[in-house]
Protein backbone atom coordinates (compact mmCIF):
# COMPACT_ATOMS: atom_id res chain seq x y z
CA MET A 1 131.34 113.66 122.27
CA LYS A 2 129.98 110.54 121.73
CA ILE A 3 132.20 107.56 120.22
CA ILE A 4 130.82 103.90 119.62
CA SER A 5 133.52 100.73 119.62
CA TRP A 6 132.35 97.29 118.25
CA ASN A 7 133.15 94.31 117.17
CA THR A 8 131.33 93.91 113.34
CA ASN A 9 132.78 90.24 112.24
CA GLY A 10 132.98 90.93 109.19
CA LEU A 11 132.53 94.92 107.81
CA ARG A 12 130.76 93.58 104.36
CA ALA A 13 128.65 91.30 106.12
CA THR A 14 127.57 94.01 108.44
CA ALA A 15 126.55 96.50 105.57
CA LYS A 16 125.12 93.86 103.15
CA GLN A 17 122.44 92.87 106.36
CA GLY A 18 121.78 96.82 106.93
CA PHE A 19 123.94 97.05 110.27
CA PHE A 20 126.08 99.36 109.14
CA THR A 21 124.79 102.76 108.20
CA PRO A 22 121.93 102.66 111.46
CA LEU A 23 125.28 102.46 113.60
CA PHE A 24 125.90 105.96 112.23
CA SER A 25 122.16 106.99 114.20
CA ALA A 26 122.70 104.74 116.73
CA GLN A 27 122.40 107.37 119.67
CA GLY A 28 120.51 109.85 117.52
CA GLY A 29 120.37 111.81 114.66
CA SER A 30 121.52 110.99 110.62
CA ALA A 31 124.10 108.58 109.40
CA SER A 32 125.38 111.29 107.33
CA GLY A 33 127.20 112.97 110.32
CA GLY A 34 124.23 115.01 112.02
CA GLU A 35 124.82 116.96 115.36
CA ASP A 36 123.50 113.76 117.47
CA SER A 37 125.15 111.39 115.39
CA PRO A 38 128.65 109.61 116.97
CA ASP A 39 131.92 111.96 116.95
CA ILE A 40 133.77 108.47 116.67
CA ILE A 41 133.00 105.16 115.39
CA CYS A 42 136.06 102.47 115.89
CA LEU A 43 135.01 99.07 114.41
CA GLN A 44 137.11 95.85 115.19
CA GLU A 45 137.70 93.09 113.27
CA THR A 46 136.56 94.38 110.05
CA LYS A 47 138.06 91.17 108.00
CA ALA A 48 138.36 93.57 104.78
CA GLU A 49 140.46 96.02 102.67
CA PRO A 50 139.54 99.28 102.21
CA GLU A 51 138.85 98.17 98.69
CA GLN A 52 136.76 95.39 99.16
CA LEU A 53 134.20 97.52 101.22
CA PRO A 54 131.44 99.40 99.32
CA GLU A 55 131.70 103.24 98.49
CA GLU A 56 128.90 104.11 100.85
CA VAL A 57 130.84 102.19 103.66
CA ARG A 58 134.95 103.64 102.72
CA ASN A 59 133.29 106.96 102.60
CA VAL A 60 130.58 108.43 105.29
CA PRO A 61 129.32 111.61 104.57
CA GLY A 62 130.71 114.02 107.74
CA TYR A 63 133.30 111.68 108.38
CA PHE A 64 137.42 110.73 107.83
CA SER A 65 137.20 107.09 107.66
CA TYR A 66 140.76 105.13 108.42
CA PHE A 67 141.74 101.67 108.31
CA SER A 68 144.09 98.77 109.42
CA TYR A 69 144.43 95.47 108.20
CA PRO A 70 146.39 92.54 107.85
CA LYS A 71 150.43 92.36 105.66
CA ILE A 72 149.83 88.74 105.29
CA LYS A 73 146.91 87.31 105.65
CA LYS A 74 143.56 89.04 103.61
CA GLY A 75 139.65 88.85 105.22
CA TYR A 76 140.85 89.05 108.85
CA SER A 77 141.31 90.46 111.75
CA GLY A 78 141.16 94.79 111.15
CA VAL A 79 139.92 97.58 112.47
CA ALA A 80 138.34 101.22 111.00
CA ILE A 81 138.04 104.58 112.76
CA TYR A 82 135.54 106.79 111.13
CA SER A 83 135.77 110.34 112.72
CA LYS A 84 133.60 113.60 112.13
CA GLU A 85 136.72 115.64 113.43
CA LYS A 86 139.82 115.05 110.78
CA PRO A 87 142.49 114.04 113.67
CA LYS A 88 145.79 115.84 114.21
CA GLU A 89 147.98 112.57 113.40
CA VAL A 90 147.34 108.73 112.63
CA PHE A 91 149.13 106.08 113.51
CA TYR A 92 149.04 102.06 112.25
CA GLY A 93 149.81 99.69 114.45
CA MET A 94 152.80 99.41 118.18
CA GLY A 95 156.07 99.85 115.56
CA ILE A 96 155.12 103.59 114.28
CA ALA A 97 157.66 105.78 116.38
CA THR A 98 155.14 108.66 118.12
CA ARG A 99 158.08 110.91 117.81
CA PRO A 100 160.90 110.24 114.63
CA THR A 101 163.33 110.17 117.53
CA GLU A 102 162.15 107.40 119.47
CA GLN A 103 162.92 104.02 118.48
CA SER A 104 160.25 101.82 117.87
CA PHE A 105 159.22 98.19 119.24
CA GLY A 106 156.94 95.69 118.34
CA ARG A 107 156.70 96.13 114.38
CA GLU A 108 156.18 91.84 114.34
CA LEU A 109 152.89 92.14 116.02
CA ASP A 110 151.47 94.71 114.30
CA ASP A 111 151.72 92.08 110.54
CA GLU A 112 147.43 91.48 111.83
CA GLY A 113 146.49 94.81 111.28
CA ARG A 114 144.81 95.14 114.69
CA LEU A 115 145.14 98.67 115.74
CA LEU A 116 144.52 101.46 114.54
CA GLY A 117 145.47 105.00 116.94
CA VAL A 118 143.90 108.84 116.06
CA LYS A 119 145.55 112.03 117.90
CA TYR A 120 143.20 114.86 119.04
CA LYS A 121 143.96 117.96 120.95
CA ASP A 122 142.24 117.24 124.27
CA PHE A 123 143.01 113.16 123.99
CA THR A 124 144.20 110.54 121.77
CA LEU A 125 142.43 107.12 120.97
CA ILE A 126 143.74 103.58 119.89
CA ASN A 127 141.16 101.32 118.82
CA VAL A 128 142.01 97.84 119.04
CA TYR A 129 140.82 94.35 118.45
CA PHE A 130 143.27 92.28 120.88
CA PRO A 131 144.03 88.71 119.39
CA ASN A 132 142.11 85.62 120.60
CA GLY A 133 143.78 83.01 122.75
CA GLY A 134 142.36 80.16 121.62
CA GLN A 135 143.57 77.30 118.57
CA GLY A 136 146.64 76.41 120.73
CA PRO A 137 149.23 77.23 123.20
CA GLU A 138 151.20 79.64 119.59
CA ARG A 139 148.24 81.74 119.87
CA LEU A 140 148.03 82.11 123.44
CA LYS A 141 150.98 83.09 124.12
CA TYR A 142 150.66 85.53 120.96
CA LYS A 143 147.88 86.80 122.27
CA LEU A 144 150.12 87.63 125.88
CA GLU A 145 153.49 89.03 123.94
CA PHE A 146 151.12 91.30 122.59
CA TYR A 147 149.24 92.34 125.87
CA ASP A 148 152.38 92.71 126.94
CA ALA A 149 153.73 94.93 124.18
CA PHE A 150 150.43 96.93 123.99
CA LEU A 151 150.83 97.91 128.07
CA LYS A 152 154.43 98.99 127.30
CA PHE A 153 153.15 100.89 124.36
CA ILE A 154 150.48 103.26 125.97
CA ILE A 155 152.74 103.75 129.43
CA LYS A 156 155.30 105.32 126.81
CA LEU A 157 152.44 107.49 125.44
CA ARG A 158 151.28 108.86 128.47
CA LYS A 159 154.93 109.75 129.51
CA ASN A 160 155.15 110.99 126.57
CA GLY A 161 152.33 113.65 127.94
CA GLU A 162 148.60 111.94 125.58
CA ASN A 163 145.89 112.29 127.55
CA LEU A 164 144.61 108.43 126.57
CA ILE A 165 141.41 106.05 125.99
CA PHE A 166 141.65 102.88 124.33
CA CYS A 167 138.55 100.94 123.36
CA GLY A 168 138.35 97.01 121.54
CA ASP A 169 137.40 93.61 121.41
CA VAL A 170 139.94 92.56 124.55
CA ASN A 171 138.96 88.38 123.91
CA THR A 172 139.09 88.70 127.93
CA ALA A 173 136.38 89.21 130.50
CA HIS A 174 138.28 90.44 134.13
CA THR A 175 136.16 88.61 136.84
CA ALA A 176 133.28 86.36 137.48
CA ILE A 177 130.54 89.02 137.29
CA ASP A 178 131.72 89.98 133.54
CA LEU A 179 130.80 86.65 132.42
CA ALA A 180 127.52 83.84 132.88
CA ARG A 181 129.47 81.24 133.84
CA PRO A 182 132.58 81.99 135.60
CA LYS A 183 133.04 78.22 137.03
CA GLU A 184 132.16 77.04 133.71
CA ASN A 185 135.51 78.54 131.87
CA GLU A 186 137.58 78.88 134.56
CA GLU A 187 140.03 76.88 132.18
CA ASN A 188 138.77 78.11 128.94
CA THR A 189 140.78 80.75 126.90
CA GLY A 190 139.38 84.00 127.21
CA PHE A 191 139.28 83.65 131.43
CA LEU A 192 142.91 82.26 132.13
CA PRO A 193 143.99 83.65 135.11
CA ILE A 194 146.96 84.81 133.57
CA GLU A 195 144.60 86.26 130.90
CA ARG A 196 143.10 88.19 133.58
CA ALA A 197 145.91 88.97 135.42
CA TRP A 198 146.98 91.21 132.69
CA ILE A 199 144.04 93.10 133.17
CA ASP A 200 144.49 93.93 136.41
CA LYS A 201 148.29 94.99 135.59
CA LEU A 202 146.24 97.09 133.70
CA ILE A 203 144.46 98.72 136.62
CA LYS A 204 147.20 99.05 138.58
CA ASN A 205 148.65 101.20 136.26
CA ASN A 206 146.30 103.70 136.40
CA PHE A 207 143.95 102.81 133.63
CA LEU A 208 140.37 102.26 134.33
CA ASP A 209 137.72 99.76 132.72
CA VAL A 210 135.39 102.85 132.03
CA TRP A 211 132.37 100.76 132.66
CA ARG A 212 132.88 99.52 135.49
CA HIS A 213 133.61 102.80 137.17
CA PHE A 214 130.36 103.98 136.33
CA ASN A 215 128.71 100.26 137.25
CA PRO A 216 130.87 98.38 140.13
CA ASN A 217 128.43 95.71 140.50
CA LYS A 218 126.10 95.65 137.69
CA ILE A 219 125.57 91.59 136.39
CA ASP A 220 124.17 90.89 133.26
CA ALA A 221 125.53 92.92 131.05
CA TYR A 222 127.79 91.65 128.83
CA THR A 223 129.25 92.65 124.70
CA TYR A 224 129.70 89.41 123.54
CA TRP A 225 127.02 85.54 122.92
CA ASP A 226 128.25 82.76 120.90
CA THR A 227 125.48 82.28 117.85
CA LYS A 228 126.08 78.38 117.97
CA THR A 229 124.53 77.97 121.25
CA ARG A 230 122.07 81.27 120.71
CA ALA A 231 123.41 82.27 123.60
CA ARG A 232 122.36 85.86 122.57
CA ASP A 233 118.45 84.63 123.68
CA ARG A 234 119.37 83.58 127.06
CA ASN A 235 122.02 86.57 127.67
CA VAL A 236 124.31 83.76 128.36
CA GLY A 237 127.47 86.36 127.40
CA TRP A 238 130.75 87.53 128.01
CA ARG A 239 131.81 91.19 128.61
CA ILE A 240 135.00 91.44 127.04
CA ASP A 241 134.31 94.02 125.09
CA TYR A 242 135.62 97.63 126.59
CA PHE A 243 136.81 101.15 126.82
CA PHE A 244 139.69 102.25 129.13
CA ALA A 245 140.88 105.62 130.14
CA ASP A 246 143.85 106.83 131.89
CA SER A 247 143.61 108.22 135.20
CA GLN A 248 143.94 111.48 134.18
CA ILE A 249 140.83 111.63 131.34
CA ILE A 250 138.47 109.47 133.27
CA SER A 251 137.17 112.38 134.94
CA LYS A 252 135.62 114.13 131.41
CA ILE A 253 134.21 111.49 130.33
CA LYS A 254 129.90 111.58 131.58
CA ASN A 255 128.60 108.25 131.10
CA THR A 256 128.85 105.11 129.29
CA GLY A 257 126.51 101.81 128.25
CA ILE A 258 126.37 99.00 126.28
CA MET A 259 123.81 98.69 122.98
CA SER A 260 122.47 95.21 123.57
CA ASP A 261 119.78 94.88 121.55
CA TYR A 262 121.88 96.28 118.88
CA TYR A 263 122.55 93.46 116.18
CA GLY A 264 124.56 91.99 113.25
CA SER A 265 127.23 90.83 115.34
CA ASP A 266 128.21 87.83 117.96
CA HIS A 267 129.29 91.13 120.16
CA CYS A 268 127.12 94.58 120.22
CA PRO A 269 128.46 97.69 120.34
CA ILE A 270 129.55 99.75 123.40
CA TRP A 271 129.77 103.66 123.97
CA ILE A 272 130.97 106.86 126.15
CA GLU A 273 130.15 110.68 126.17
CA ILE A 274 133.01 112.78 126.70
């Protein structure tokens, strides 16, 4: 099973520019759910409600599609999942109880349409677009609150016996080898000690960074580049897009990769194979 994750920075623009359909054959196969095409595609920062998308983007032949989007702000945030297999369950946000008898929490953090989850027989996959901590202290506070609520949420799911994988734009580079210019960015959001400490906490709770699990010392591997400075041409980037897997399921993951030569966004897609 192949899973791709990608921050498209606007799904309508991605489709219009011709970068959407090729993603479904990015690992081989056809764009209509062929045998070697990706089994699941998770997109972040879609910036669109389903009715704003062309039919060929809403409904890809051979895939079930699901969308989450902001309740209060159009053209912002948003995530989507395309899956060959129909999930047993689909959930939107952290405030939806995983069991009818459980108490919900985190509803106020769900307003921006940042989280979409699908449950299969052997594992649960969560697609997340984590907040950016820029634009002032209030957004950094929101980001850190989202981080804390999300960790509680996935720990609770794990206690319920679920094998968890989550992917998406975490909006933080974990260590100095995860960005090209760590010294220059020590006081910038995306590499602040308080943001990086949350990833430390995540790992201490046995959620593993899949890329680093397979590539512990690899450098110059990034997933985001600033477009204004043409940073991608010089590979002056950040690795802020991740797959994390619970330690109970990491042995099932065979490989992982970064599709740095795939364009259409200021981020590139990443993938795992289970």
